[in-house]
C-alpha atoms as a PDB file:
ATOM      1  CA  UNK A   1     176.947  17.197  76.825  1.00  0.00           C
ATOM      2  CA  UNK A   2     177.358  13.451  77.284  1.00  0.00           C
ATOM      3  CA  UNK A   3     174.237  11.613  78.501  1.00  0.00           C
ATOM      4  CA  UNK A   4     174.568   9.497  81.633  1.00  0.00           C
ATOM      5  CA  UNK A   5     171.435   7.494  80.842  1.00  0.00           C
ATOM      6  CA  UNK A   6     172.374   3.822  80.413  1.00  0.00           C
ATOM      7  CA  UNK A   7     171.623   2.351  76.999  1.00  0.00           C
ATOM      8  CA  UNK A   8     168.537   0.201  76.598  1.00  0.00           C
ATOM      9  CA  UNK A   9     169.197  -3.527  76.755  1.00  0.00           C
ATOM     10  CA  UNK A  10     168.440  -5.108  73.407  1.00  0.00           C
ATOM     11  CA  UNK A  11     166.996  -8.568  73.923  1.00  0.00           C
ATOM     12  CA  UNK A  12     166.543 -10.924  71.001  1.00  0.00           C
ATOM     13  CA  UNK A  13     165.227 -14.483  70.714  1.00  0.00           C
ATOM     14  CA  UNK A  14     167.661 -16.985  72.174  1.00  0.00           C
ATOM     15  CA  UNK A  15     169.390 -19.371  69.783  1.00  0.00           C
ATOM     16  CA  UNK A  16     169.250 -22.053  72.447  1.00  0.00           C
ATOM     17  CA  UNK A  17     165.671 -21.943  73.801  1.00  0.00           C
ATOM     18  CA  UNK A  18     162.664 -20.626  71.874  1.00  0.00           C
ATOM     19  CA  UNK A  19     160.946 -19.578  75.117  1.00  0.00           C
ATOM     20  CA  UNK A  20     163.778 -17.291  76.241  1.00  0.00           C
ATOM     21  CA  UNK A  21     165.421 -14.067  75.059  1.00  0.00           C
ATOM     22  CA  UNK A  22     169.112 -13.210  75.221  1.00  0.00           C
ATOM     23  CA  UNK A  23     171.224 -10.086  75.550  1.00  0.00           C
ATOM     24  CA  UNK A  24     174.700  -8.841  76.413  1.00  0.00           C
ATOM     25  CA  UNK A  25     174.294  -6.753  79.562  1.00  0.00           C
ATOM     26  CA  UNK A  26     176.933  -4.281  80.705  1.00  0.00           C
ATOM     27  CA  UNK A  27     177.370  -3.768  84.445  1.00  0.00           C
ATOM     28  CA  UNK A  28     179.749  -1.245  86.058  1.00  0.00           C
ATOM     29  CA  UNK A  29     182.613  -3.742  85.683  1.00  0.00           C
ATOM     30  CA  UNK A  30     181.862  -6.367  83.032  1.00  0.00           C
ATOM     31  CA  UNK A  31     179.578  -7.627  80.283  1.00  0.00           C
ATOM     32  CA  UNK A  32     177.427 -10.695  80.859  1.00  0.00           C
ATOM     33  CA  UNK A  33     175.581 -12.952  78.458  1.00  0.00           C
ATOM     34  CA  UNK A  34     172.055 -13.350  79.849  1.00  0.00           C
ATOM     35  CA  UNK A  35     168.950 -15.300  78.918  1.00  0.00           C
ATOM     36  CA  UNK A  36     165.570 -14.393  80.391  1.00  0.00           C
ATOM     37  CA  UNK A  37     162.252 -16.197  80.081  1.00  0.00           C
ATOM     38  CA  UNK A  38     158.785 -15.916  81.560  1.00  0.00           C
ATOM     39  CA  UNK A  39     156.388 -13.143  82.494  1.00  0.00           C
ATOM     40  CA  UNK A  40     158.300 -10.089  83.799  1.00  0.00           C
ATOM     41  CA  UNK A  41     155.627  -9.618  86.475  1.00  0.00           C
ATOM     42  CA  UNK A  42     156.139 -13.111  87.886  1.00  0.00           C
ATOM     43  CA  UNK A  43     158.533 -13.875  90.775  1.00  0.00           C
ATOM     44  CA  UNK A  44     162.109 -14.114  89.496  1.00  0.00           C
ATOM     45  CA  UNK A  45     164.494 -17.049  89.913  1.00  0.00           C
ATOM     46  CA  UNK A  46     168.156 -16.465  89.048  1.00  0.00           C
ATOM     47  CA  UNK A  47     170.195 -19.566  88.197  1.00  0.00           C
ATOM     48  CA  UNK A  48     173.923 -19.512  89.060  1.00  0.00           C
ATOM     49  CA  UNK A  49     176.014 -22.218  87.426  1.00  0.00           C
ATOM     50  CA  UNK A  50     179.100 -24.005  88.730  1.00  0.00           C
ATOM     51  CA  UNK A  51     182.826 -24.168  88.040  1.00  0.00           C
ATOM     52  CA  UNK A  52     183.733 -23.684  84.399  1.00  0.00           C
ATOM     53  CA  UNK A  53     180.148 -24.305  83.275  1.00  0.00           C
ATOM     54  CA  UNK A  54     178.277 -22.132  80.814  1.00  0.00           C
ATOM     55  CA  UNK A  55     174.715 -21.010  81.488  1.00  0.00           C
ATOM     56  CA  UNK A  56     173.435 -23.509  78.915  1.00  0.00           C
ATOM     57  CA  UNK A  57     174.328 -26.337  81.300  1.00  0.00           C
ATOM     58  CA  UNK A  58     171.058 -25.449  83.016  1.00  0.00           C
ATOM     59  CA  UNK A  59     168.761 -27.766  81.015  1.00  0.00           C
ATOM     60  CA  UNK A  60     166.138 -26.034  78.886  1.00  0.00           C
ATOM     61  CA  UNK A  61     163.571 -28.442  80.324  1.00  0.00           C
ATOM     62  CA  UNK A  62     164.421 -27.298  83.847  1.00  0.00           C
ATOM     63  CA  UNK A  63     164.065 -23.619  82.917  1.00  0.00           C
ATOM     64  CA  UNK A  64     160.800 -24.273  81.063  1.00  0.00           C
ATOM     65  CA  UNK A  65     159.319 -26.136  84.036  1.00  0.00           C
ATOM     66  CA  UNK A  66     160.043 -23.167  86.319  1.00  0.00           C
ATOM     67  CA  UNK A  67     158.513 -20.745  83.810  1.00  0.00           C
ATOM     68  CA  UNK A  68     155.402 -22.909  83.372  1.00  0.00           C
ATOM     69  CA  UNK A  69     155.018 -22.951  87.150  1.00  0.00           C
ATOM     70  CA  UNK A  70     154.728 -19.150  87.171  1.00  0.00           C
ATOM     71  CA  UNK A  71     158.280 -17.881  87.572  1.00  0.00           C
ATOM     72  CA  UNK A  72     160.534 -15.611  85.571  1.00  0.00           C
ATOM     73  CA  UNK A  73     163.895 -17.322  84.939  1.00  0.00           C
ATOM     74  CA  UNK A  74     167.299 -15.702  84.465  1.00  0.00           C
ATOM     75  CA  UNK A  75     170.388 -17.714  83.519  1.00  0.00           C
ATOM     76  CA  UNK A  76     173.738 -16.169  82.614  1.00  0.00           C
ATOM     77  CA  UNK A  77     177.403 -16.925  81.970  1.00  0.00           C
ATOM     78  CA  UNK A  78     179.596 -16.156  84.982  1.00  0.00           C
ATOM     79  CA  UNK A  79     182.657 -13.965  84.465  1.00  0.00           C
ATOM     80  CA  UNK A  80     185.496 -15.758  82.656  1.00  0.00           C
ATOM     81  CA  UNK A  81     183.125 -18.303  81.071  1.00  0.00           C
ATOM     82  CA  UNK A  82     181.003 -18.567  77.933  1.00  0.00           C
ATOM     83  CA  UNK A  83     180.200 -15.232  76.293  1.00  0.00           C
ATOM     84  CA  UNK A  84     180.678 -13.068  79.380  1.00  0.00           C
ATOM     85  CA  UNK A  85     183.748 -10.901  80.009  1.00  0.00           C
ATOM     86  CA  UNK A  86     187.134 -12.596  80.265  1.00  0.00           C
ATOM     87  CA  UNK A  87     189.836 -11.290  82.575  1.00  0.00           C
ATOM     88  CA  UNK A  88     192.549 -11.612  79.963  1.00  0.00           C
ATOM     89  CA  UNK A  89     194.746  -9.087  81.749  1.00  0.00           C
ATOM     90  CA  UNK A  90     194.824 -11.371  84.818  1.00  0.00           C
ATOM     91  CA  UNK A  91     197.290 -13.890  83.412  1.00  0.00           C
ATOM     92  CA  UNK A  92     197.988 -17.205  85.066  1.00  0.00           C
ATOM     93  CA  UNK A  93     201.522 -18.510  85.269  1.00  0.00           C
ATOM     94  CA  UNK A  94     202.594 -22.042  84.441  1.00  0.00           C
ATOM     95  CA  UNK A  95     202.799 -22.640  88.196  1.00  0.00           C
ATOM     96  CA  UNK A  96     199.084 -22.022  88.570  1.00  0.00           C
ATOM     97  CA  UNK A  97     198.416 -24.706  85.967  1.00  0.00           C
ATOM     98  CA  UNK A  98     200.670 -27.328  87.550  1.00  0.00           C
ATOM     99  CA  UNK A  99     198.737 -30.269  88.983  1.00  0.00           C
ATOM    100  CA  UNK A 100     201.192 -30.412  91.895  1.00  0.00           C
ATOM    101  CA  UNK A 101     200.596 -26.765  92.664  1.00  0.00           C
ATOM    102  CA  UNK A 102     196.832 -27.312  92.510  1.00  0.00           C
ATOM    103  CA  UNK A 103     197.144 -30.365  94.750  1.00  0.00           C
ATOM    104  CA  UNK A 104     199.029 -28.284  97.305  1.00  0.00           C
ATOM    105  CA  UNK A 105     196.361 -25.578  97.267  1.00  0.00           C
ATOM    106  CA  UNK A 106     193.517 -28.095  97.507  1.00  0.00           C
ATOM    107  CA  UNK A 107     195.293 -29.804 100.412  1.00  0.00           C
ATOM    108  CA  UNK A 108     195.640 -26.529 102.328  1.00  0.00           C
ATOM    109  CA  UNK A 109     192.034 -25.699 101.466  1.00  0.00           C
ATOM    110  CA  UNK A 110     190.807 -29.031 102.843  1.00  0.00           C
ATOM    111  CA  UNK A 111     192.519 -28.380 106.160  1.00  0.00           C
ATOM    112  CA  UNK A 112     191.150 -24.846 106.362  1.00  0.00           C
ATOM    113  CA  UNK A 113     194.586 -23.244 105.926  1.00  0.00           C
ATOM    114  CA  UNK A 114     195.168 -19.963 104.053  1.00  0.00           C
ATOM    115  CA  UNK A 115     196.346 -20.312 100.454  1.00  0.00           C
ATOM    116  CA  UNK A 116     199.212 -17.841 100.721  1.00  0.00           C
ATOM    117  CA  UNK A 117     198.768 -16.968  97.059  1.00  0.00           C
ATOM    118  CA  UNK A 118     197.300 -13.933  95.323  1.00  0.00           C
ATOM    119  CA  UNK A 119     194.242 -14.823  93.271  1.00  0.00           C
ATOM    120  CA  UNK A 120     192.564 -12.706  90.572  1.00  0.00           C
ATOM    121  CA  UNK A 121     189.211 -12.717  92.423  1.00  0.00           C
ATOM    122  CA  UNK A 122     187.112 -14.701  94.887  1.00  0.00           C
ATOM    123  CA  UNK A 123     183.492 -15.814  95.222  1.00  0.00           C
ATOM    124  CA  UNK A 124     182.542 -12.593  96.996  1.00  0.00           C
ATOM    125  CA  UNK A 125     183.458 -10.768  93.794  1.00  0.00           C
ATOM    126  CA  UNK A 126     181.354 -13.195  91.770  1.00  0.00           C
ATOM    127  CA  UNK A 127     178.401 -12.667  94.127  1.00  0.00           C
ATOM    128  CA  UNK A 128     178.695  -8.933  93.471  1.00  0.00           C
ATOM    129  CA  UNK A 129     178.619  -9.725  89.732  1.00  0.00           C
ATOM    130  CA  UNK A 130     175.179 -11.305  90.106  1.00  0.00           C
ATOM    131  CA  UNK A 131     173.877  -8.445  92.231  1.00  0.00           C
ATOM    132  CA  UNK A 132     175.102  -5.836  89.745  1.00  0.00           C
ATOM    133  CA  UNK A 133     173.679  -7.773  86.799  1.00  0.00           C
ATOM    134  CA  UNK A 134     170.214  -8.026  88.360  1.00  0.00           C
ATOM    135  CA  UNK A 135     170.351  -4.359  89.365  1.00  0.00           C
ATOM    136  CA  UNK A 136     170.959  -3.368  85.737  1.00  0.00           C
ATOM    137  CA  UNK A 137     168.084  -5.658  84.709  1.00  0.00           C
ATOM    138  CA  UNK A 138     165.944  -3.834  87.316  1.00  0.00           C
ATOM    139  CA  UNK A 139     165.108  -7.057  89.118  1.00  0.00           C
ATOM    140  CA  UNK A 140     165.068  -6.007  92.748  1.00  0.00           C
ATOM    141  CA  UNK A 141     163.764  -9.120  94.483  1.00  0.00           C
ATOM    142  CA  UNK A 142     164.473 -12.710  93.490  1.00  0.00           C
ATOM    143  CA  UNK A 143     164.931 -16.303  94.504  1.00  0.00           C
ATOM    144  CA  UNK A 144     168.304 -17.919  93.806  1.00  0.00           C
ATOM    145  CA  UNK A 145     169.248 -21.459  92.761  1.00  0.00           C
ATOM    146  CA  UNK A 146     172.967 -22.163  92.723  1.00  0.00           C
ATOM    147  CA  UNK A 147     174.591 -25.403  91.606  1.00  0.00           C
ATOM    148  CA  UNK A 148     178.034 -26.469  92.860  1.00  0.00           C
ATOM    149  CA  UNK A 149     180.219 -23.315  92.802  1.00  0.00           C
ATOM    150  CA  UNK A 150     177.031 -21.409  92.018  1.00  0.00           C
ATOM    151  CA  UNK A 151     175.599 -22.644  95.299  1.00  0.00           C
ATOM    152  CA  UNK A 152     178.604 -21.207  97.132  1.00  0.00           C
ATOM    153  CA  UNK A 153     177.994 -17.862  95.422  1.00  0.00           C
ATOM    154  CA  UNK A 154     174.303 -18.108  96.352  1.00  0.00           C
ATOM    155  CA  UNK A 155     175.149 -18.547 100.047  1.00  0.00           C
ATOM    156  CA  UNK A 156     177.200 -15.340  99.954  1.00  0.00           C
ATOM    157  CA  UNK A 157     174.417 -13.481  98.146  1.00  0.00           C
ATOM    158  CA  UNK A 158     171.853 -14.437 100.788  1.00  0.00           C
ATOM    159  CA  UNK A 159     173.965 -12.670 103.438  1.00  0.00           C
ATOM    160  CA  UNK A 160     175.420  -9.818 101.395  1.00  0.00           C
ATOM    161  CA  UNK A 161     172.073  -8.904  99.780  1.00  0.00           C
ATOM    162  CA  UNK A 162     169.388 -10.054 102.253  1.00  0.00           C
ATOM    163  CA  UNK A 163     166.784  -7.539 101.023  1.00  0.00           C
ATOM    164  CA  UNK A 164     167.040  -8.855  97.462  1.00  0.00           C
ATOM    165  CA  UNK A 165     167.324 -12.626  97.989  1.00  0.00           C
ATOM    166  CA  UNK A 166     163.964 -13.977  99.157  1.00  0.00           C
ATOM    167  CA  UNK A 167     164.508 -17.744  99.183  1.00  0.00           C
ATOM    168  CA  UNK A 168     167.496 -19.914  98.487  1.00  0.00           C
ATOM    169  CA  UNK A 169     167.963 -23.165  96.571  1.00  0.00           C
ATOM    170  CA  UNK A 170     171.277 -25.015  96.877  1.00  0.00           C
ATOM    171  CA  UNK A 171     171.979 -27.873  94.473  1.00  0.00           C
ATOM    172  CA  UNK A 172     174.964 -30.226  94.656  1.00  0.00           C
ATOM    173  CA  UNK A 173     177.060 -27.765  96.636  1.00  0.00           C
ATOM    174  CA  UNK A 174     179.076 -27.261  99.814  1.00  0.00           C
ATOM    175  CA  UNK A 175     180.019 -24.724 102.459  1.00  0.00           C
ATOM    176  CA  UNK A 176     183.647 -25.915 102.232  1.00  0.00           C
ATOM    177  CA  UNK A 177     183.834 -26.733 105.917  1.00  0.00           C
ATOM    178  CA  UNK A 178     187.409 -27.709 106.862  1.00  0.00           C
ATOM    179  CA  UNK A 179     188.051 -31.452 107.025  1.00  0.00           C
ATOM    180  CA  UNK A 180     185.016 -32.206 104.834  1.00  0.00           C
ATOM    181  CA  UNK A 181     185.030 -35.471 102.935  1.00  0.00           C
ATOM    182  CA  UNK A 182     187.082 -34.988  99.743  1.00  0.00           C
ATOM    183  CA  UNK A 183     185.951 -35.935  96.208  1.00  0.00           C
ATOM    184  CA  UNK A 184     186.430 -39.497  95.028  1.00  0.00           C
ATOM    185  CA  UNK A 185     189.814 -40.243  93.462  1.00  0.00           C
ATOM    186  CA  UNK A 186     188.455 -40.960  89.960  1.00  0.00           C
ATOM    187  CA  UNK A 187     187.016 -37.479  89.284  1.00  0.00           C
ATOM    188  CA  UNK A 188     190.016 -35.825  90.956  1.00  0.00           C
ATOM    189  CA  UNK A 189     192.351 -37.659  88.595  1.00  0.00           C
ATOM    190  CA  UNK A 190     190.163 -36.866  85.582  1.00  0.00           C
ATOM    191  CA  UNK A 191     189.977 -33.155  86.374  1.00  0.00           C
ATOM    192  CA  UNK A 192     193.737 -32.900  86.891  1.00  0.00           C
ATOM    193  CA  UNK A 193     194.656 -34.319  83.464  1.00  0.00           C
ATOM    194  CA  UNK A 194     196.403 -31.903  81.088  1.00  0.00           C
ATOM    195  CA  UNK A 195     194.250 -30.713  78.208  1.00  0.00           C
ATOM    196  CA  UNK A 196     194.952 -31.834  74.642  1.00  0.00           C
ATOM    197  CA  UNK A 197     196.141 -29.214  72.184  1.00  0.00           C
ATOM    198  CA  UNK A 198     193.408 -26.592  71.729  1.00  0.00           C
ATOM    199  CA  UNK A 199     193.432 -27.204  67.988  1.00  0.00           C
ATOM    200  CA  UNK A 200     192.475 -30.867  68.491  1.00  0.00           C
ATOM    201  CA  UNK A 201     188.716 -30.357  68.790  1.00  0.00           C
ATOM    202  CA  UNK A 202     187.853 -34.064  68.799  1.00  0.00           C
ATOM    203  CA  UNK A 203     190.338 -34.895  71.557  1.00  0.00           C
ATOM    204  CA  UNK A 204     189.148 -31.965  73.666  1.00  0.00           C
ATOM    205  CA  UNK A 205     185.479 -32.889  73.463  1.00  0.00           C
ATOM    206  CA  UNK A 206     186.179 -36.575  74.086  1.00  0.00           C
ATOM    207  CA  UNK A 207     188.259 -35.817  77.181  1.00  0.00           C
ATOM    208  CA  UNK A 208     185.509 -33.500  78.410  1.00  0.00           C
ATOM    209  CA  UNK A 209     182.940 -36.292  78.078  1.00  0.00           C
ATOM    210  CA  UNK A 210     185.182 -38.787  79.877  1.00  0.00           C
ATOM    211  CA  UNK A 211     185.702 -36.293  82.702  1.00  0.00           C
ATOM    212  CA  UNK A 212     181.996 -35.533  83.053  1.00  0.00           C
ATOM    213  CA  UNK A 213     181.274 -39.265  83.127  1.00  0.00           C
ATOM    214  CA  UNK A 214     183.269 -39.570  86.390  1.00  0.00           C
ATOM    215  CA  UNK A 215     180.843 -37.232  88.218  1.00  0.00           C
ATOM    216  CA  UNK A 216     177.585 -37.865  86.338  1.00  0.00           C
ATOM    217  CA  UNK A 217     174.595 -39.811  87.647  1.00  0.00           C
ATOM    218  CA  UNK A 218     175.797 -43.359  86.929  1.00  0.00           C
ATOM    219  CA  UNK A 219     172.423 -44.873  86.032  1.00  0.00           C
ATOM    220  CA  UNK A 220     171.454 -42.024  83.718  1.00  0.00           C
ATOM    221  CA  UNK A 221     174.636 -41.079  81.872  1.00  0.00           C
ATOM    222  CA  UNK A 222     174.172 -40.943  78.083  1.00  0.00           C
ATOM    223  CA  UNK A 223     177.549 -40.718  76.338  1.00  0.00           C
ATOM    224  CA  UNK A 224     176.122 -39.711  72.957  1.00  0.00           C
ATOM    225  CA  UNK A 225     174.025 -36.948  74.518  1.00  0.00           C
ATOM    226  CA  UNK A 226     177.017 -35.768  76.575  1.00  0.00           C
ATOM    227  CA  UNK A 227     179.192 -35.610  73.444  1.00  0.00           C
ATOM    228  CA  UNK A 228     176.598 -33.560  71.548  1.00  0.00           C
ATOM    229  CA  UNK A 229     176.313 -31.116  74.461  1.00  0.00           C
ATOM    230  CA  UNK A 230     180.098 -30.866  74.694  1.00  0.00           C
ATOM    231  CA  UNK A 231     180.377 -30.035  70.995  1.00  0.00           C
ATOM    232  CA  UNK A 232     177.741 -27.313  71.344  1.00  0.00           C
ATOM    233  CA  UNK A 233     179.441 -25.753  74.373  1.00  0.00           C
ATOM    234  CA  UNK A 234     182.935 -25.939  72.861  1.00  0.00           C
ATOM    235  CA  UNK A 235     181.713 -24.406  69.616  1.00  0.00           C
ATOM    236  CA  UNK A 236     180.049 -21.590  71.543  1.00  0.00           C
ATOM    237  CA  UNK A 237     183.078 -20.715  73.687  1.00  0.00           C
ATOM    238  CA  UNK A 238     185.951 -22.770  75.102  1.00  0.00           C
ATOM    239  CA  UNK A 239     188.057 -20.937  77.674  1.00  0.00           C
ATOM    240  CA  UNK A 240     189.916 -23.209  80.139  1.00  0.00           C
ATOM    241  CA  UNK A 241     191.842 -20.337  81.772  1.00  0.00           C
ATOM    242  CA  UNK A 242     188.544 -19.062  83.114  1.00  0.00           C
ATOM    243  CA  UNK A 243     187.935 -22.409  84.797  1.00  0.00           C
ATOM    244  CA  UNK A 244     191.390 -22.221  86.414  1.00  0.00           C
ATOM    245  CA  UNK A 245     190.671 -18.748  87.776  1.00  0.00           C
ATOM    246  CA  UNK A 246     187.260 -19.818  89.083  1.00  0.00           C
ATOM    247  CA  UNK A 247     188.894 -22.753  90.880  1.00  0.00           C
ATOM    248  CA  UNK A 248     191.340 -20.340  92.500  1.00  0.00           C
ATOM    249  CA  UNK A 249     188.353 -18.178  93.486  1.00  0.00           C
ATOM    250  CA  UNK A 250     186.783 -21.125  95.337  1.00  0.00           C
ATOM    251  CA  UNK A 251     190.044 -21.955  97.087  1.00  0.00           C
ATOM    252  CA  UNK A 252     190.690 -18.306  97.989  1.00  0.00           C
ATOM    253  CA  UNK A 253     187.221 -17.934  99.505  1.00  0.00           C
ATOM    254  CA  UNK A 254     187.541 -20.922 101.812  1.00  0.00           C
ATOM    255  CA  UNK A 255     184.953 -21.975 104.387  1.00  0.00           C
ATOM    256  CA  UNK A 256     181.441 -20.497 104.263  1.00  0.00           C
ATOM    257  CA  UNK A 257     180.354 -21.852 107.646  1.00  0.00           C
ATOM    258  CA  UNK A 258     180.332 -18.364 109.186  1.00  0.00           C
ATOM    259  CA  UNK A 259     178.271 -17.120 106.247  1.00  0.00           C
ATOM    260  CA  UNK A 260     175.769 -19.957 106.659  1.00  0.00           C
ATOM    261  CA  UNK A 261     175.079 -19.029 110.261  1.00  0.00           C
ATOM    262  CA  UNK A 262     173.874 -15.620 109.019  1.00  0.00           C
ATOM    263  CA  UNK A 263     171.445 -16.963 106.386  1.00  0.00           C
ATOM    264  CA  UNK A 264     167.843 -16.287 107.415  1.00  0.00           C
ATOM    265  CA  UNK A 265     166.072 -16.998 104.129  1.00  0.00           C
ATOM    266  CA  UNK A 266     164.150 -20.292 103.785  1.00  0.00           C
ATOM    267  CA  UNK A 267     166.651 -22.613 102.094  1.00  0.00           C
ATOM    268  CA  UNK A 268     166.178 -25.877 100.220  1.00  0.00           C
ATOM    269  CA  UNK A 269     169.276 -28.065  99.943  1.00  0.00           C
ATOM    270  CA  UNK A 270     169.096 -30.720  97.194  1.00  0.00           C
ATOM    271  CA  UNK A 271     171.878 -33.255  96.778  1.00  0.00           C
ATOM    272  CA  UNK A 272     172.441 -36.538  94.993  1.00  0.00           C
ATOM    273  CA  UNK A 273     173.153 -39.804  96.754  1.00  0.00           C
ATOM    274  CA  UNK A 274     175.643 -40.611  93.945  1.00  0.00           C
ATOM    275  CA  UNK A 275     177.564 -37.328  93.918  1.00  0.00           C
ATOM    276  CA  UNK A 276     181.245 -38.311  93.715  1.00  0.00           C
ATOM    277  CA  UNK A 277     182.599 -34.766  93.370  1.00  0.00           C
ATOM    278  CA  UNK A 278     180.851 -33.232  96.390  1.00  0.00           C
ATOM    279  CA  UNK A 279     179.755 -36.126  98.638  1.00  0.00           C
ATOM    280  CA  UNK A 280     176.328 -35.951 100.362  1.00  0.00           C
ATOM    281  CA  UNK A 281     177.987 -35.268 103.731  1.00  0.00           C
ATOM    282  CA  UNK A 282     178.558 -31.713 102.466  1.00  0.00           C
ATOM    283  CA  UNK A 283     174.793 -31.258 102.111  1.00  0.00           C
ATOM    284  CA  UNK A 284     174.308 -32.501 105.655  1.00  0.00           C
ATOM    285  CA  UNK A 285     176.877 -29.963 106.886  1.00  0.00           C
ATOM    286  CA  UNK A 286     174.986 -27.224 105.048  1.00  0.00           C
ATOM    287  CA  UNK A 287     171.705 -28.320 106.592  1.00  0.00           C
ATOM    288  CA  UNK A 288     173.260 -28.230 110.042  1.00  0.00           C
ATOM    289  CA  UNK A 289     174.744 -24.763 109.522  1.00  0.00           C
ATOM    290  CA  UNK A 290     171.755 -22.996 107.892  1.00  0.00           C
ATOM    291  CA  UNK A 291     169.006 -22.487 110.448  1.00  0.00           C
ATOM    292  CA  UNK A 292     165.942 -22.306 108.185  1.00  0.00           C
ATOM    293  CA  UNK A 293     166.891 -25.105 105.815  1.00  0.00           C
ATOM    294  CA  UNK A 294     165.490 -28.405 104.639  1.00  0.00           C
ATOM    295  CA  UNK A 295     167.432 -31.218 102.972  1.00  0.00           C
ATOM    296  CA  UNK A 296     166.311 -33.511 100.166  1.00  0.00           C
ATOM    297  CA  UNK A 297     168.589 -36.307  98.979  1.00  0.00           C
ATOM    298  CA  UNK A 298     167.731 -37.523  95.474  1.00  0.00           C
ATOM    299  CA  UNK A 299     168.403 -41.204  94.814  1.00  0.00           C
ATOM    300  CA  UNK A 300     170.692 -41.824  91.850  1.00  0.00           C
ATOM    301  CA  UNK A 301     171.629 -38.180  91.296  1.00  0.00           C
ATOM    302  CA  UNK A 302     175.299 -37.433  90.703  1.00  0.00           C
ATOM    303  CA  UNK A 303     176.940 -34.050  90.136  1.00  0.00           C
ATOM    304  CA  UNK A 304     174.811 -33.208  87.110  1.00  0.00           C
ATOM    305  CA  UNK A 305     171.195 -32.767  85.983  1.00  0.00           C
ATOM    306  CA  UNK A 306     170.292 -35.800  83.851  1.00  0.00           C
ATOM    307  CA  UNK A 307     167.170 -35.569  81.708  1.00  0.00           C
ATOM    308  CA  UNK A 308     165.523 -38.383  83.666  1.00  0.00           C
ATOM    309  CA  UNK A 309     165.688 -36.371  86.904  1.00  0.00           C
ATOM    310  CA  UNK A 310     164.996 -32.840  85.631  1.00  0.00           C
ATOM    311  CA  UNK A 311     161.277 -33.029  86.435  1.00  0.00           C
ATOM    312  CA  UNK A 312     162.006 -34.286  89.963  1.00  0.00           C
ATOM    313  CA  UNK A 313     164.514 -31.495  90.595  1.00  0.00           C
ATOM    314  CA  UNK A 314     162.295 -28.790  89.111  1.00  0.00           C
ATOM    315  CA  UNK A 315     159.322 -29.883  91.214  1.00  0.00           C
ATOM    316  CA  UNK A 316     161.355 -29.749  94.414  1.00  0.00           C
ATOM    317  CA  UNK A 317     162.355 -26.132  93.780  1.00  0.00           C
ATOM    318  CA  UNK A 318     158.929 -25.115  92.485  1.00  0.00           C
ATOM    319  CA  UNK A 319     157.326 -26.358  95.683  1.00  0.00           C
ATOM    320  CA  UNK A 320     159.946 -24.615  97.814  1.00  0.00           C
ATOM    321  CA  UNK A 321     159.604 -21.240  96.095  1.00  0.00           C
ATOM    322  CA  UNK A 322     155.795 -21.444  95.889  1.00  0.00           C
ATOM    323  CA  UNK A 323     155.117 -22.030  99.573  1.00  0.00           C
ATOM    324  CA  UNK A 324     154.815 -18.991 101.824  1.00  0.00           C
ATOM    325  CA  UNK A 325     156.360 -19.731 105.199  1.00  0.00           C
ATOM    326  CA  UNK A 326     154.698 -17.896 108.052  1.00  0.00           C
ATOM    327  CA  UNK A 327     157.133 -16.062 110.253  1.00  0.00           C
END
């Protein structure tokens, strides 16, 4: 007789942070690479990363600060990225990869119009991924911090799973309200460039660094550090098709304004004054739409987490998650 008991999750020391442990965790649909750190009896914070970004983009220093403050931290690779499951059977056509096709979709998205295209999945599916992952890990109640696309997923989670999500942290993100201010032209142009041949490792990493530079905090960008991080991430797993599918997921999901009006968890919105990918007006729209929210604009912060501002960002979230708000 076949046992229905799920196999034990085998955690081992992380190769990337000596204060965390890693595992491959199977959910009903996919496998996810996960890193967990901190006391299992402490309040949990799950970190959801943005478009095309691996879990390691969450700085170790940021995770360590949260753990030292008395939290348990979970970071993971989203589907289609890093060492989590890839939807290889959901093939993209050349049309999906055309910059003109993407421009058309982004234009319709900006005006709040339907895409009129079938996409492999949307952000609601990715929110379910997180819920299923934490269910397998037997973490029933948690705070959530989402950055960029991860913040969009976090907004959905707060409404879809209100008994699990206790407080919400939104970093450098948007609710994709129609007619919102678009990204600056420089990062748009950089992100739409065709990739070099996948065998040309040096060209790939250099283009990645140049692209990240267009959205990074201008006063804190370190090109050498960015190149070293790019090499580490590319060596670990480079999968651009996953980024394309995640972009389609954002566009297919559309506006989250209706979702925001249903969020009842205390929410901290943190945004950079120098964010050229998602301008600060998006944070103001979020603050207006989410009833129990507060907004903190961080001077000099772009669409990244530079080392010089990690302590500032960590302290903002630590304070938010540590304070009990009387109802």
